[in-house]
């Protein structure tokens, strides 16, 4: 597609999915903070090992969430009625137009 001046591509509103990315960052941070909380000096070896394992798992999950949200490509939203031209390189076979009647 091209614009009315003949330049290829269309430009209008771009959605960078910023809110979705921020949501993933906040979730990752909350998972990390929750597992960082310790029980002080009285923490046993078993509790410490469980906490560190949970921290590692939460960190990996959070990183995957953030990476997935970073991999989302921006979306170009072209509003209805935006003028454009379409260049066709092959013949289009179209059926004759028939007006449809509303079902009763």
Foldseek 3Di string as FASTA:
>chain_A
DFAPVRHPDDADDKALVVVQLVVLQVQLVVQLVVLPDDPPPVQDPVNVVVSVVSNVVSNVVSVVSNVVSNPDDIDGDDDPPHGDDDDDPDDDDDDDDDDDDDDD
